[in-house]
Amino acid sequence: MRCIKCKRRKHLINLASLKSICRDCFCKIIEKRIRKRIRLNKLFRKGDRILTEDKLSFYLIKKIIKDLPVKMFLKKPASAKVNKTVIKYTLDDKLSDFLENILFGKKPKKPKQISILDVITDNEAVLFAKINNIRFKPNKKHKDIVTLLGRLEKKYPGIRFSLSKSISELK
């Protein structure tokens, strides 16, 4: 079976949200999602000093906004002043936090930091990092919520993205 996107290479990746695609097409899709997130929300501007919490975000920002003159830091130097902090916060983290707030009555947290990974799932982030030889470990989540999301995704593929869109519309 061939990649459904380029029709040339054998498919290697089988995710519910992306069907059967090759590594190159998978990476392009992930980068495109994140590029769109950055562009639509106007997250970065010329002269920004950006601190990233993880290597995956650092890699993606470097690759996507390579022409924009910004200073980037992976670890915060003592003397550096940063005006934007990018956190490791995926789509699964976003959904997990939202469901915890609803089901367990927790107060919603308003992060002051920027998240660029909240358009990809934990599985997609781990796979993208593995393909590009980057270390990435997803944040820990409530076990019951993860189980619930897993069951929903099995029964209704793409439910994570639908829930995310609904959450965004509620805000």
Protein backbone atom coordinates (compact mmCIF):
# COMPACT_ATOMS: atom_id res chain seq x y z
CA MET A 1 0.00 0.00 0.00
CA ARG A 2 1.29 3.46 -0.91
CA CYS A 3 1.16 6.79 0.86
CA ILE A 4 -2.28 8.40 0.38
CA LYS A 5 -0.71 11.86 0.08
CA CYS A 6 2.15 11.51 -2.42
CA LYS A 7 1.27 8.07 -3.88
CA ARG A 8 4.99 7.35 -4.39
CA ARG A 9 6.46 5.78 -1.30
CA LYS A 10 5.27 2.92 0.82
CA HIS A 11 3.30 4.07 3.82
CA LEU A 12 5.05 3.64 7.13
CA ILE A 13 2.83 5.54 9.51
CA ASN A 14 -0.68 4.49 10.43
CA LEU A 15 -2.40 6.96 12.75
CA ALA A 16 -6.18 7.23 13.08
CA SER A 17 -6.11 10.95 12.32
CA LEU A 18 -3.74 10.74 9.33
CA LYS A 19 -4.49 7.35 7.73
CA SER A 20 -1.57 5.69 5.88
CA ILE A 21 1.23 8.09 5.00
CA CYS A 22 4.98 8.05 4.53
CA ARG A 23 7.47 9.75 6.87
CA ASP A 24 8.09 12.76 4.61
CA CYS A 25 4.40 13.53 4.18
CA PHE A 26 3.81 13.03 7.92
CA CYS A 27 6.51 15.57 8.79
CA LYS A 28 5.17 18.05 6.21
CA ILE A 29 1.64 17.76 7.64
CA ILE A 30 2.81 18.32 11.23
CA GLU A 31 4.95 21.31 10.22
CA LYS A 32 2.07 22.74 8.19
CA ARG A 33 -0.32 22.52 11.17
CA ILE A 34 2.16 24.27 13.45
CA ARG A 35 3.05 26.89 10.82
CA LYS A 36 -0.67 27.66 10.43
CA ARG A 37 -1.09 27.95 14.22
CA ILE A 38 1.83 30.39 14.44
CA ARG A 39 0.64 32.44 11.45
CA LEU A 40 -3.05 32.71 12.38
CA ASN A 41 -2.38 33.63 16.00
CA LYS A 42 0.55 35.94 15.12
CA LEU A 43 2.62 34.36 17.88
CA PHE A 44 6.05 35.72 16.94
CA ARG A 45 7.32 39.04 15.65
CA LYS A 46 10.61 40.56 14.64
CA GLY A 47 12.89 41.07 17.63
CA ASP A 48 11.19 38.59 19.95
CA ARG A 49 13.33 36.80 22.52
CA ILE A 50 11.87 33.30 22.78
CA LEU A 51 12.53 30.72 25.49
CA THR A 52 11.46 27.15 24.71
CA GLU A 53 10.82 24.49 27.32
CA ASP A 54 11.61 21.50 25.11
CA LYS A 55 13.78 20.54 22.14
CA LEU A 56 10.84 19.71 19.87
CA SER A 57 9.35 23.21 20.11
CA PHE A 58 12.82 24.71 19.64
CA TYR A 59 13.39 22.62 16.49
CA LEU A 60 9.98 23.47 15.01
CA ILE A 61 10.22 27.20 15.69
CA LYS A 62 13.74 27.34 14.23
CA LYS A 63 12.55 25.51 11.13
CA ILE A 64 9.31 27.43 10.64
CA ILE A 65 10.36 31.01 11.38
CA LYS A 66 13.91 30.76 10.08
CA ASP A 67 13.67 34.09 8.17
CA LEU A 68 12.29 36.08 11.10
CA PRO A 69 15.04 37.78 13.16
CA VAL A 70 14.38 36.46 16.67
CA LYS A 71 16.64 35.23 19.45
CA MET A 72 15.90 31.76 20.75
CA PHE A 73 16.98 30.04 23.94
CA LEU A 74 16.51 26.43 24.95
CA LYS A 75 17.62 27.04 28.53
CA LYS A 76 17.17 30.46 30.08
CA PRO A 77 20.51 32.19 30.50
CA ALA A 78 20.81 34.21 33.71
CA SER A 79 21.33 37.51 31.87
CA ALA A 80 18.82 37.04 29.04
CA LYS A 81 15.48 38.77 29.08
CA VAL A 82 12.81 36.84 27.22
CA ASN A 83 9.43 38.18 26.22
CA LYS A 84 7.83 34.89 25.12
CA THR A 85 7.99 31.42 26.63
CA VAL A 86 6.93 28.38 24.61
CA ILE A 87 5.73 25.44 26.68
CA LYS A 88 5.40 21.73 25.93
CA TYR A 89 1.59 21.57 25.75
CA THR A 90 0.04 19.22 23.18
CA LEU A 91 -3.54 18.69 22.06
CA ASP A 92 -3.88 15.83 24.56
CA ASP A 93 -2.76 18.17 27.38
CA LYS A 94 -5.34 20.73 26.30
CA LEU A 95 -8.16 18.15 26.23
CA SER A 96 -7.05 16.53 29.47
CA ASP A 97 -7.01 19.88 31.30
CA PHE A 98 -10.42 20.82 29.92
CA LEU A 99 -12.01 17.49 30.89
CA GLU A 100 -10.40 17.60 34.35
CA ASN A 101 -11.89 21.05 34.87
CA ILE A 102 -15.34 19.78 33.93
CA LEU A 103 -15.32 16.31 35.51
CA PHE A 104 -13.38 17.01 38.70
CA GLY A 105 -14.38 20.64 39.24
CA LYS A 106 -10.85 22.01 39.06
CA LYS A 107 -10.34 25.68 38.38
CA PRO A 108 -9.17 26.35 34.82
CA LYS A 109 -5.56 27.44 34.45
CA LYS A 110 -4.82 30.29 32.09
CA PRO A 111 -1.28 29.71 30.88
CA LYS A 112 0.67 32.90 30.22
CA GLN A 113 3.02 30.98 28.00
CA ILE A 114 2.63 30.16 24.32
CA SER A 115 1.89 26.67 23.07
CA ILE A 116 2.62 25.72 19.48
CA LEU A 117 2.17 21.97 19.93
CA ASP A 118 -1.52 22.14 20.85
CA VAL A 119 -2.49 21.25 17.28
CA ILE A 120 -0.82 17.82 17.41
CA THR A 121 -1.49 14.81 19.64
CA ASP A 122 1.05 13.23 21.98
CA ASN A 123 1.47 10.29 19.58
CA GLU A 124 2.12 12.60 16.64
CA ALA A 125 4.61 14.66 18.67
CA VAL A 126 6.49 11.56 19.84
CA LEU A 127 6.57 10.12 16.31
CA PHE A 128 7.71 13.42 14.76
CA ALA A 129 10.44 13.73 17.39
CA LYS A 130 11.57 10.15 16.78
CA ILE A 131 11.76 10.67 12.99
CA ASN A 132 13.84 13.84 13.48
CA ASN A 133 16.05 12.38 16.26
CA ILE A 134 14.78 14.76 18.94
CA ARG A 135 14.13 13.84 22.55
CA PHE A 136 10.52 14.40 23.55
CA LYS A 137 8.51 13.05 26.44
CA PRO A 138 4.83 14.07 26.77
CA ASN A 139 3.50 15.60 29.99
CA LYS A 140 1.83 13.28 32.50
CA LYS A 141 -1.94 13.33 32.53
CA HIS A 142 -4.76 11.96 34.68
CA LYS A 143 -5.02 8.22 33.95
CA ASP A 144 -8.83 8.12 33.76
CA ILE A 145 -8.96 11.03 31.31
CA VAL A 146 -6.35 9.40 29.06
CA THR A 147 -8.38 6.16 29.07
CA LEU A 148 -11.57 8.06 28.25
CA LEU A 149 -9.93 9.95 25.37
CA GLY A 150 -8.42 6.71 24.05
CA ARG A 151 -11.80 4.96 24.02
CA LEU A 152 -13.49 7.91 22.35
CA GLU A 153 -10.76 8.12 19.69
CA LYS A 154 -11.09 4.40 18.96
CA LYS A 155 -14.84 4.64 18.51
CA TYR A 156 -14.86 8.06 16.80
CA PRO A 157 -11.59 8.75 14.94
CA GLY A 158 -10.75 12.46 14.91
CA ILE A 159 -12.73 13.24 18.09
CA ARG A 160 -9.69 14.90 19.67
CA PHE A 161 -9.56 17.54 16.94
CA SER A 162 -13.33 18.08 17.12
CA LEU A 163 -13.18 18.53 20.90
CA SER A 164 -10.30 20.98 20.52
CA LYS A 165 -12.24 23.03 18.01
CA SER A 166 -15.26 23.08 20.32
CA ILE A 167 -13.11 24.18 23.27
CA SER A 168 -11.68 27.02 21.19
CA GLU A 169 -15.18 28.14 20.20
CA LEU A 170 -16.27 28.12 23.85
CA LYS A 171 -13.43 30.46 24.82
